[in-house]
């Protein structure tokens, strides 16, 4: 294959803890390089940006989350320096169109599970809400209620659920092979998604990555929904029913300086029957 070396990056995935040390050994370096037909060597990199998403060789999304949060901070700083109006309508319009869109791009793919990554993103919205007129003296969780906003964590899970509905209704490709079971009218749960089993005899790190992937999180979140929400026939009606359902669930995202009841995932609240 002929490659334009200047337009290609090499990313070598590895889950072994000693992978970084292994790469530095003289007799293993060739395993992390690619030599083109004309003799040019393409060395492996620590991250690659593909269609706007930063891919890392350790299978995590921490690098992408960090870059996304940094871009969100820069855009928010620009907005706050250019526009002086701090009214609710103006601020929400600017934030939703210019800042939040950056923080949520392709989020069903990289939805983070670690508290530190969740906080990095949430802190951008936390700073924004503190600048809205009348909200400065409120705690972050209270500001979300006052502004009728959802946490970024809750919105990412909402996108995961919506994408699962699209797969069920064949509005998008089911590339990862999610399967559904329809027990008919006799079931109170409605259509259920099959949660794929965790692979056997694999390292704990692999199990954690697998459980936090969309292939597992999507079906789990879907199965938390009541039957009437799952049965929506159109995308607009599904979003409306889903919104009403999510509004009943407490939204207390992990935030620096605050101790929540849990990690605020819909799955966590489901275990507690949505009760504080």
C-alpha atoms as a PDB file:
ATOM      1  CA  UNK A   1       0.000   0.000   0.000  1.00  0.00           C
ATOM      2  CA  UNK A   2       1.317   3.452  -0.907  1.00  0.00           C
ATOM      3  CA  UNK A   3       0.931   5.941   1.908  1.00  0.00           C
ATOM      4  CA  UNK A   4       1.336   9.684   2.121  1.00  0.00           C
ATOM      5  CA  UNK A   5       3.523   9.597   5.215  1.00  0.00           C
ATOM      6  CA  UNK A   6       2.720  13.184   6.207  1.00  0.00           C
ATOM      7  CA  UNK A   7      -0.990  12.344   6.520  1.00  0.00           C
ATOM      8  CA  UNK A   8      -0.695   9.142   8.548  1.00  0.00           C
ATOM      9  CA  UNK A   9      -0.233   8.426  12.249  1.00  0.00           C
ATOM     10  CA  UNK A  10       0.503   5.061  13.829  1.00  0.00           C
ATOM     11  CA  UNK A  11      -1.328   4.101  17.011  1.00  0.00           C
ATOM     12  CA  UNK A  12      -0.400   0.836  18.743  1.00  0.00           C
ATOM     13  CA  UNK A  13      -3.015  -0.362  21.215  1.00  0.00           C
ATOM     14  CA  UNK A  14      -1.749  -2.173  24.278  1.00  0.00           C
ATOM     15  CA  UNK A  15      -3.384  -3.020  27.606  1.00  0.00           C
ATOM     16  CA  UNK A  16      -0.288  -4.277  29.378  1.00  0.00           C
ATOM     17  CA  UNK A  17       0.820  -2.072  32.328  1.00  0.00           C
ATOM     18  CA  UNK A  18       4.455  -2.331  31.211  1.00  0.00           C
ATOM     19  CA  UNK A  19       3.690  -1.329  27.627  1.00  0.00           C
ATOM     20  CA  UNK A  20       5.537   2.007  27.872  1.00  0.00           C
ATOM     21  CA  UNK A  21       8.672   0.319  29.188  1.00  0.00           C
ATOM     22  CA  UNK A  22       8.369  -2.415  26.566  1.00  0.00           C
ATOM     23  CA  UNK A  23       8.359   0.204  23.780  1.00  0.00           C
ATOM     24  CA  UNK A  24      11.697   1.651  24.904  1.00  0.00           C
ATOM     25  CA  UNK A  25      13.590  -1.623  24.701  1.00  0.00           C
ATOM     26  CA  UNK A  26      15.916  -1.748  21.652  1.00  0.00           C
ATOM     27  CA  UNK A  27      14.744  -5.137  20.424  1.00  0.00           C
ATOM     28  CA  UNK A  28      11.035  -4.201  20.529  1.00  0.00           C
ATOM     29  CA  UNK A  29      11.057  -0.763  18.889  1.00  0.00           C
ATOM     30  CA  UNK A  30      10.415  -2.203  15.435  1.00  0.00           C
ATOM     31  CA  UNK A  31       7.074  -3.546  16.704  1.00  0.00           C
ATOM     32  CA  UNK A  32       5.892   0.034  17.201  1.00  0.00           C
ATOM     33  CA  UNK A  33       6.971   1.369  13.820  1.00  0.00           C
ATOM     34  CA  UNK A  34       5.712   1.052  10.270  1.00  0.00           C
ATOM     35  CA  UNK A  35       8.029   1.249   7.288  1.00  0.00           C
ATOM     36  CA  UNK A  36       6.523   2.395   3.998  1.00  0.00           C
ATOM     37  CA  UNK A  37       7.489   1.090   0.584  1.00  0.00           C
ATOM     38  CA  UNK A  38       9.930   3.961  -0.018  1.00  0.00           C
ATOM     39  CA  UNK A  39      11.715   3.349   3.277  1.00  0.00           C
ATOM     40  CA  UNK A  40      10.087   6.064   5.389  1.00  0.00           C
ATOM     41  CA  UNK A  41       9.434   5.048   8.996  1.00  0.00           C
ATOM     42  CA  UNK A  42       6.210   6.090  10.717  1.00  0.00           C
ATOM     43  CA  UNK A  43       6.691   5.967  14.490  1.00  0.00           C
ATOM     44  CA  UNK A  44       3.831   5.326  16.917  1.00  0.00           C
ATOM     45  CA  UNK A  45       2.261   8.270  18.738  1.00  0.00           C
ATOM     46  CA  UNK A  46       0.604   8.706  22.134  1.00  0.00           C
ATOM     47  CA  UNK A  47      -2.692   9.876  20.673  1.00  0.00           C
ATOM     48  CA  UNK A  48      -4.414  10.378  17.339  1.00  0.00           C
ATOM     49  CA  UNK A  49      -7.331  12.708  16.574  1.00  0.00           C
ATOM     50  CA  UNK A  50      -9.779  10.890  14.312  1.00  0.00           C
ATOM     51  CA  UNK A  51     -12.941  12.668  13.145  1.00  0.00           C
ATOM     52  CA  UNK A  52     -12.702  15.016  16.112  1.00  0.00           C
ATOM     53  CA  UNK A  53     -12.168  12.332  18.761  1.00  0.00           C
ATOM     54  CA  UNK A  54      -8.765  11.729  20.378  1.00  0.00           C
ATOM     55  CA  UNK A  55      -7.864   8.041  20.426  1.00  0.00           C
ATOM     56  CA  UNK A  56      -5.317   6.753  22.955  1.00  0.00           C
ATOM     57  CA  UNK A  57      -3.301   3.511  22.915  1.00  0.00           C
ATOM     58  CA  UNK A  58      -4.462   2.587  26.447  1.00  0.00           C
ATOM     59  CA  UNK A  59      -8.130   2.375  25.321  1.00  0.00           C
ATOM     60  CA  UNK A  60      -9.198   5.165  27.708  1.00  0.00           C
ATOM     61  CA  UNK A  61     -10.757   8.509  26.867  1.00  0.00           C
ATOM     62  CA  UNK A  62      -8.888  10.605  29.433  1.00  0.00           C
ATOM     63  CA  UNK A  63      -6.800  12.371  26.779  1.00  0.00           C
ATOM     64  CA  UNK A  64      -9.918  13.250  24.785  1.00  0.00           C
ATOM     65  CA  UNK A  65     -11.758  14.425  27.915  1.00  0.00           C
ATOM     66  CA  UNK A  66      -8.827  16.649  28.891  1.00  0.00           C
ATOM     67  CA  UNK A  67      -8.637  18.234  25.420  1.00  0.00           C
ATOM     68  CA  UNK A  68     -12.411  18.651  25.253  1.00  0.00           C
ATOM     69  CA  UNK A  69     -12.536  20.335  28.666  1.00  0.00           C
ATOM     70  CA  UNK A  70      -9.677  22.646  27.698  1.00  0.00           C
ATOM     71  CA  UNK A  71     -11.399  23.654  24.448  1.00  0.00           C
ATOM     72  CA  UNK A  72     -14.611  24.255  26.382  1.00  0.00           C
ATOM     73  CA  UNK A  73     -12.788  26.506  28.868  1.00  0.00           C
ATOM     74  CA  UNK A  74     -11.219  28.554  26.081  1.00  0.00           C
ATOM     75  CA  UNK A  75     -14.532  29.044  24.310  1.00  0.00           C
ATOM     76  CA  UNK A  76     -16.276  29.937  27.563  1.00  0.00           C
ATOM     77  CA  UNK A  77     -13.565  32.494  28.380  1.00  0.00           C
ATOM     78  CA  UNK A  78     -14.018  34.040  24.955  1.00  0.00           C
ATOM     79  CA  UNK A  79     -17.794  34.230  25.406  1.00  0.00           C
ATOM     80  CA  UNK A  80     -17.491  35.853  28.838  1.00  0.00           C
ATOM     81  CA  UNK A  81     -14.969  38.398  27.566  1.00  0.00           C
ATOM     82  CA  UNK A  82     -16.909  39.405  24.451  1.00  0.00           C
ATOM     83  CA  UNK A  83     -20.478  39.483  25.780  1.00  0.00           C
ATOM     84  CA  UNK A  84     -21.319  41.595  28.837  1.00  0.00           C
ATOM     85  CA  UNK A  85     -24.977  40.588  29.192  1.00  0.00           C
ATOM     86  CA  UNK A  86     -25.307  38.029  32.010  1.00  0.00           C
ATOM     87  CA  UNK A  87     -29.076  37.556  31.776  1.00  0.00           C
ATOM     88  CA  UNK A  88     -30.363  33.982  31.822  1.00  0.00           C
ATOM     89  CA  UNK A  89     -31.666  33.996  28.231  1.00  0.00           C
ATOM     90  CA  UNK A  90     -28.505  35.443  26.704  1.00  0.00           C
ATOM     91  CA  UNK A  91     -26.138  33.272  28.721  1.00  0.00           C
ATOM     92  CA  UNK A  92     -28.010  30.038  28.052  1.00  0.00           C
ATOM     93  CA  UNK A  93     -28.225  30.783  24.344  1.00  0.00           C
ATOM     94  CA  UNK A  94     -24.497  31.456  24.073  1.00  0.00           C
ATOM     95  CA  UNK A  95     -23.536  28.481  26.221  1.00  0.00           C
ATOM     96  CA  UNK A  96     -25.730  25.928  24.461  1.00  0.00           C
ATOM     97  CA  UNK A  97     -24.690  27.002  20.975  1.00  0.00           C
ATOM     98  CA  UNK A  98     -20.988  27.756  21.445  1.00  0.00           C
ATOM     99  CA  UNK A  99     -19.713  25.878  24.495  1.00  0.00           C
ATOM    100  CA  UNK A 100     -21.854  22.859  25.328  1.00  0.00           C
ATOM    101  CA  UNK A 101     -21.851  21.659  21.741  1.00  0.00           C
ATOM    102  CA  UNK A 102     -18.068  21.253  22.001  1.00  0.00           C
ATOM    103  CA  UNK A 103     -18.332  19.339  25.268  1.00  0.00           C
ATOM    104  CA  UNK A 104     -20.832  16.818  23.907  1.00  0.00           C
ATOM    105  CA  UNK A 105     -19.576  16.029  20.411  1.00  0.00           C
ATOM    106  CA  UNK A 106     -19.775  12.254  19.804  1.00  0.00           C
ATOM    107  CA  UNK A 107     -20.200  11.685  23.553  1.00  0.00           C
ATOM    108  CA  UNK A 108     -21.953   8.257  23.340  1.00  0.00           C
ATOM    109  CA  UNK A 109     -18.608   6.898  22.125  1.00  0.00           C
ATOM    110  CA  UNK A 110     -16.358   8.342  24.819  1.00  0.00           C
ATOM    111  CA  UNK A 111     -18.740   8.836  27.762  1.00  0.00           C
ATOM    112  CA  UNK A 112     -16.313   8.758  30.744  1.00  0.00           C
ATOM    113  CA  UNK A 113     -16.852   6.667  33.861  1.00  0.00           C
ATOM    114  CA  UNK A 114     -14.050   7.942  36.126  1.00  0.00           C
ATOM    115  CA  UNK A 115     -14.982  10.664  38.604  1.00  0.00           C
ATOM    116  CA  UNK A 116     -11.953  12.772  37.681  1.00  0.00           C
ATOM    117  CA  UNK A 117     -12.889  12.839  33.980  1.00  0.00           C
ATOM    118  CA  UNK A 118     -16.525  13.605  34.792  1.00  0.00           C
ATOM    119  CA  UNK A 119     -15.447  16.499  37.000  1.00  0.00           C
ATOM    120  CA  UNK A 120     -13.172  17.999  34.349  1.00  0.00           C
ATOM    121  CA  UNK A 121     -16.117  18.388  32.000  1.00  0.00           C
ATOM    122  CA  UNK A 122     -18.617  19.317  34.693  1.00  0.00           C
ATOM    123  CA  UNK A 123     -16.350  22.103  35.980  1.00  0.00           C
ATOM    124  CA  UNK A 124     -16.741  23.958  32.672  1.00  0.00           C
ATOM    125  CA  UNK A 125     -20.515  24.077  33.120  1.00  0.00           C
ATOM    126  CA  UNK A 126     -20.045  24.848  36.799  1.00  0.00           C
ATOM    127  CA  UNK A 127     -18.058  27.997  35.946  1.00  0.00           C
ATOM    128  CA  UNK A 128     -20.652  29.035  33.369  1.00  0.00           C
ATOM    129  CA  UNK A 129     -23.621  28.697  35.719  1.00  0.00           C
ATOM    130  CA  UNK A 130     -21.848  30.789  38.352  1.00  0.00           C
ATOM    131  CA  UNK A 131     -21.730  33.724  35.901  1.00  0.00           C
ATOM    132  CA  UNK A 132     -25.471  33.779  35.198  1.00  0.00           C
ATOM    133  CA  UNK A 133     -27.290  36.659  36.873  1.00  0.00           C
ATOM    134  CA  UNK A 134     -28.857  35.607  40.171  1.00  0.00           C
ATOM    135  CA  UNK A 135     -26.966  32.301  40.421  1.00  0.00           C
ATOM    136  CA  UNK A 136     -23.628  33.348  41.873  1.00  0.00           C
ATOM    137  CA  UNK A 137     -24.518  32.506  45.497  1.00  0.00           C
ATOM    138  CA  UNK A 138     -26.133  29.147  44.710  1.00  0.00           C
ATOM    139  CA  UNK A 139     -24.357  25.798  44.899  1.00  0.00           C
ATOM    140  CA  UNK A 140     -23.820  24.047  41.543  1.00  0.00           C
ATOM    141  CA  UNK A 141     -26.565  21.476  42.088  1.00  0.00           C
ATOM    142  CA  UNK A 142     -28.963  24.281  43.027  1.00  0.00           C
ATOM    143  CA  UNK A 143     -27.947  26.303  39.974  1.00  0.00           C
ATOM    144  CA  UNK A 144     -28.830  23.366  37.716  1.00  0.00           C
ATOM    145  CA  UNK A 145     -32.339  23.296  39.186  1.00  0.00           C
ATOM    146  CA  UNK A 146     -32.746  27.079  39.021  1.00  0.00           C
ATOM    147  CA  UNK A 147     -31.686  27.168  35.351  1.00  0.00           C
ATOM    148  CA  UNK A 148     -33.604  23.968  34.518  1.00  0.00           C
ATOM    149  CA  UNK A 149     -30.431  22.396  33.171  1.00  0.00           C
ATOM    150  CA  UNK A 150     -29.136  18.844  33.320  1.00  0.00           C
ATOM    151  CA  UNK A 151     -25.598  17.977  34.275  1.00  0.00           C
ATOM    152  CA  UNK A 152     -23.308  17.112  31.376  1.00  0.00           C
ATOM    153  CA  UNK A 153     -23.051  13.618  32.833  1.00  0.00           C
ATOM    154  CA  UNK A 154     -26.838  13.162  32.688  1.00  0.00           C
ATOM    155  CA  UNK A 155     -27.002  14.569  29.163  1.00  0.00           C
ATOM    156  CA  UNK A 156     -24.330  12.123  27.948  1.00  0.00           C
ATOM    157  CA  UNK A 157     -26.313   9.189  29.298  1.00  0.00           C
ATOM    158  CA  UNK A 158     -29.395  10.649  27.637  1.00  0.00           C
ATOM    159  CA  UNK A 159     -27.563  10.611  24.291  1.00  0.00           C
ATOM    160  CA  UNK A 160     -26.563   6.979  24.872  1.00  0.00           C
ATOM    161  CA  UNK A 161     -30.208   6.050  25.461  1.00  0.00           C
ATOM    162  CA  UNK A 162     -31.408   7.970  22.396  1.00  0.00           C
ATOM    163  CA  UNK A 163     -28.820   6.237  20.210  1.00  0.00           C
ATOM    164  CA  UNK A 164     -30.007   2.873  21.557  1.00  0.00           C
ATOM    165  CA  UNK A 165     -33.592   3.773  20.606  1.00  0.00           C
ATOM    166  CA  UNK A 166     -32.385   4.622  17.108  1.00  0.00           C
ATOM    167  CA  UNK A 167     -30.702   1.207  16.861  1.00  0.00           C
ATOM    168  CA  UNK A 168     -33.902  -0.520  17.984  1.00  0.00           C
ATOM    169  CA  UNK A 169     -35.954   1.358  15.400  1.00  0.00           C
ATOM    170  CA  UNK A 170     -33.343   0.904  12.637  1.00  0.00           C
ATOM    171  CA  UNK A 171     -32.659   4.619  12.276  1.00  0.00           C
ATOM    172  CA  UNK A 172     -28.929   3.988  12.562  1.00  0.00           C
ATOM    173  CA  UNK A 173     -26.562   1.076  12.027  1.00  0.00           C
ATOM    174  CA  UNK A 174     -26.310  -1.605  14.698  1.00  0.00           C
ATOM    175  CA  UNK A 175     -22.585  -2.070  14.169  1.00  0.00           C
ATOM    176  CA  UNK A 176     -21.936  -3.555  17.607  1.00  0.00           C
ATOM    177  CA  UNK A 177     -24.770  -6.082  17.390  1.00  0.00           C
ATOM    178  CA  UNK A 178     -27.068  -5.011  20.237  1.00  0.00           C
ATOM    179  CA  UNK A 179     -29.988  -7.430  20.457  1.00  0.00           C
ATOM    180  CA  UNK A 180     -33.444  -6.778  21.906  1.00  0.00           C
ATOM    181  CA  UNK A 181     -36.153  -8.990  23.404  1.00  0.00           C
ATOM    182  CA  UNK A 182     -39.841  -8.147  23.099  1.00  0.00           C
ATOM    183  CA  UNK A 183     -41.863 -10.194  25.591  1.00  0.00           C
ATOM    184  CA  UNK A 184     -45.128  -8.728  24.339  1.00  0.00           C
ATOM    185  CA  UNK A 185     -47.911  -6.972  26.203  1.00  0.00           C
ATOM    186  CA  UNK A 186     -47.651  -9.308  29.190  1.00  0.00           C
ATOM    187  CA  UNK A 187     -44.400  -7.756  30.379  1.00  0.00           C
ATOM    188  CA  UNK A 188     -44.291  -4.648  32.552  1.00  0.00           C
ATOM    189  CA  UNK A 189     -40.729  -3.882  31.455  1.00  0.00           C
ATOM    190  CA  UNK A 190     -41.383  -3.716  27.723  1.00  0.00           C
ATOM    191  CA  UNK A 191     -38.652  -4.315  25.171  1.00  0.00           C
ATOM    192  CA  UNK A 192     -35.353  -5.183  26.852  1.00  0.00           C
ATOM    193  CA  UNK A 193     -31.822  -4.949  25.496  1.00  0.00           C
ATOM    194  CA  UNK A 194     -29.467  -7.864  26.011  1.00  0.00           C
ATOM    195  CA  UNK A 195     -26.469  -6.948  28.139  1.00  0.00           C
ATOM    196  CA  UNK A 196     -23.452  -8.815  26.697  1.00  0.00           C
ATOM    197  CA  UNK A 197     -21.642 -11.006  29.236  1.00  0.00           C
ATOM    198  CA  UNK A 198     -18.228 -10.027  30.526  1.00  0.00           C
ATOM    199  CA  UNK A 199     -15.459 -12.059  28.825  1.00  0.00           C
ATOM    200  CA  UNK A 200     -13.897 -14.795  30.940  1.00  0.00           C
ATOM    201  CA  UNK A 201     -10.233 -15.163  31.831  1.00  0.00           C
ATOM    202  CA  UNK A 202      -9.252 -11.591  30.980  1.00  0.00           C
ATOM    203  CA  UNK A 203      -7.415  -9.029  33.132  1.00  0.00           C
ATOM    204  CA  UNK A 204      -9.472  -6.875  35.495  1.00  0.00           C
ATOM    205  CA  UNK A 205      -8.492  -3.796  33.486  1.00  0.00           C
ATOM    206  CA  UNK A 206     -10.062  -5.298  30.382  1.00  0.00           C
ATOM    207  CA  UNK A 207     -13.240  -6.127  32.304  1.00  0.00           C
ATOM    208  CA  UNK A 208     -13.496  -2.513  33.494  1.00  0.00           C
ATOM    209  CA  UNK A 209     -13.004  -1.144  29.973  1.00  0.00           C
ATOM    210  CA  UNK A 210     -15.587  -3.567  28.614  1.00  0.00           C
ATOM    211  CA  UNK A 211     -18.211  -2.757  31.236  1.00  0.00           C
ATOM    212  CA  UNK A 212     -17.832   0.986  30.593  1.00  0.00           C
ATOM    213  CA  UNK A 213     -18.116   0.648  26.813  1.00  0.00           C
ATOM    214  CA  UNK A 214     -21.221   1.696  24.899  1.00  0.00           C
ATOM    215  CA  UNK A 215     -21.983  -1.957  24.036  1.00  0.00           C
ATOM    216  CA  UNK A 216     -22.619  -2.619  27.736  1.00  0.00           C
ATOM    217  CA  UNK A 217     -23.720   0.780  29.043  1.00  0.00           C
ATOM    218  CA  UNK A 218     -26.250   1.279  26.246  1.00  0.00           C
ATOM    219  CA  UNK A 219     -28.319  -1.843  27.051  1.00  0.00           C
ATOM    220  CA  UNK A 220     -28.034  -1.282  30.818  1.00  0.00           C
ATOM    221  CA  UNK A 221     -29.305   2.290  30.593  1.00  0.00           C
ATOM    222  CA  UNK A 222     -32.047   1.255  28.169  1.00  0.00           C
ATOM    223  CA  UNK A 223     -33.313  -1.392  30.588  1.00  0.00           C
ATOM    224  CA  UNK A 224     -33.784   1.288  33.277  1.00  0.00           C
ATOM    225  CA  UNK A 225     -36.545   2.928  31.253  1.00  0.00           C
ATOM    226  CA  UNK A 226     -40.227   2.250  31.946  1.00  0.00           C
ATOM    227  CA  UNK A 227     -42.320   0.519  29.305  1.00  0.00           C
ATOM    228  CA  UNK A 228     -44.221   3.628  28.232  1.00  0.00           C
ATOM    229  CA  UNK A 229     -40.973   5.458  27.387  1.00  0.00           C
ATOM    230  CA  UNK A 230     -39.502   2.537  25.433  1.00  0.00           C
ATOM    231  CA  UNK A 231     -42.658   2.210  23.359  1.00  0.00           C
ATOM    232  CA  UNK A 232     -42.565   5.693  21.820  1.00  0.00           C
ATOM    233  CA  UNK A 233     -43.163   5.476  18.075  1.00  0.00           C
ATOM    234  CA  UNK A 234     -41.357   8.620  16.930  1.00  0.00           C
ATOM    235  CA  UNK A 235     -38.030  10.158  17.885  1.00  0.00           C
ATOM    236  CA  UNK A 236     -39.635  13.408  19.025  1.00  0.00           C
ATOM    237  CA  UNK A 237     -42.155  11.620  21.252  1.00  0.00           C
ATOM    238  CA  UNK A 238     -39.396   9.405  22.654  1.00  0.00           C
ATOM    239  CA  UNK A 239     -37.260  12.430  23.541  1.00  0.00           C
ATOM    240  CA  UNK A 240     -40.247  14.041  25.225  1.00  0.00           C
ATOM    241  CA  UNK A 241     -41.099  10.953  27.288  1.00  0.00           C
ATOM    242  CA  UNK A 242     -37.440  10.401  28.120  1.00  0.00           C
ATOM    243  CA  UNK A 243     -37.092  13.993  29.292  1.00  0.00           C
ATOM    244  CA  UNK A 244     -40.090  13.646  31.615  1.00  0.00           C
ATOM    245  CA  UNK A 245     -38.656  10.431  33.027  1.00  0.00           C
ATOM    246  CA  UNK A 246     -35.190  11.893  33.607  1.00  0.00           C
ATOM    247  CA  UNK A 247     -36.650  14.937  35.346  1.00  0.00           C
ATOM    248  CA  UNK A 248     -37.878  12.602  38.091  1.00  0.00           C
ATOM    249  CA  UNK A 249     -34.342  11.391  38.847  1.00  0.00           C
ATOM    250  CA  UNK A 250     -32.069  13.478  41.113  1.00  0.00           C
ATOM    251  CA  UNK A 251     -29.165  15.058  39.236  1.00  0.00           C
ATOM    252  CA  UNK A 252     -26.184  15.493  41.566  1.00  0.00           C
ATOM    253  CA  UNK A 253     -23.033  15.118  39.450  1.00  0.00           C
ATOM    254  CA  UNK A 254     -19.584  14.545  41.003  1.00  0.00           C
ATOM    255  CA  UNK A 255     -18.291  18.010  41.821  1.00  0.00           C
ATOM    256  CA  UNK A 256     -15.183  19.177  43.641  1.00  0.00           C
ATOM    257  CA  UNK A 257     -16.076  20.045  47.240  1.00  0.00           C
ATOM    258  CA  UNK A 258     -19.411  18.210  47.271  1.00  0.00           C
ATOM    259  CA  UNK A 259     -20.158  14.663  48.379  1.00  0.00           C
ATOM    260  CA  UNK A 260     -22.987  13.089  46.430  1.00  0.00           C
ATOM    261  CA  UNK A 261     -25.219  10.171  47.353  1.00  0.00           C
ATOM    262  CA  UNK A 262     -23.626   8.154  44.545  1.00  0.00           C
ATOM    263  CA  UNK A 263     -21.797   8.746  41.249  1.00  0.00           C
ATOM    264  CA  UNK A 264     -25.059  10.153  39.819  1.00  0.00           C
ATOM    265  CA  UNK A 265     -25.366   7.684  36.940  1.00  0.00           C
ATOM    266  CA  UNK A 266     -28.921   6.640  36.092  1.00  0.00           C
ATOM    267  CA  UNK A 267     -27.745   3.120  36.879  1.00  0.00           C
ATOM    268  CA  UNK A 268     -26.781   4.207  40.408  1.00  0.00           C
ATOM    269  CA  UNK A 269     -30.155   5.817  41.019  1.00  0.00           C
ATOM    270  CA  UNK A 270     -31.930   2.760  39.597  1.00  0.00           C
ATOM    271  CA  UNK A 271     -30.316   0.634  42.301  1.00  0.00           C
ATOM    272  CA  UNK A 272     -31.794   3.018  44.865  1.00  0.00           C
ATOM    273  CA  UNK A 273     -35.203   3.138  43.175  1.00  0.00           C
ATOM    274  CA  UNK A 274     -34.577   6.820  42.352  1.00  0.00           C
ATOM    275  CA  UNK A 275     -34.943   7.758  46.019  1.00  0.00           C
ATOM    276  CA  UNK A 276     -32.570   9.851  48.146  1.00  0.00           C
END
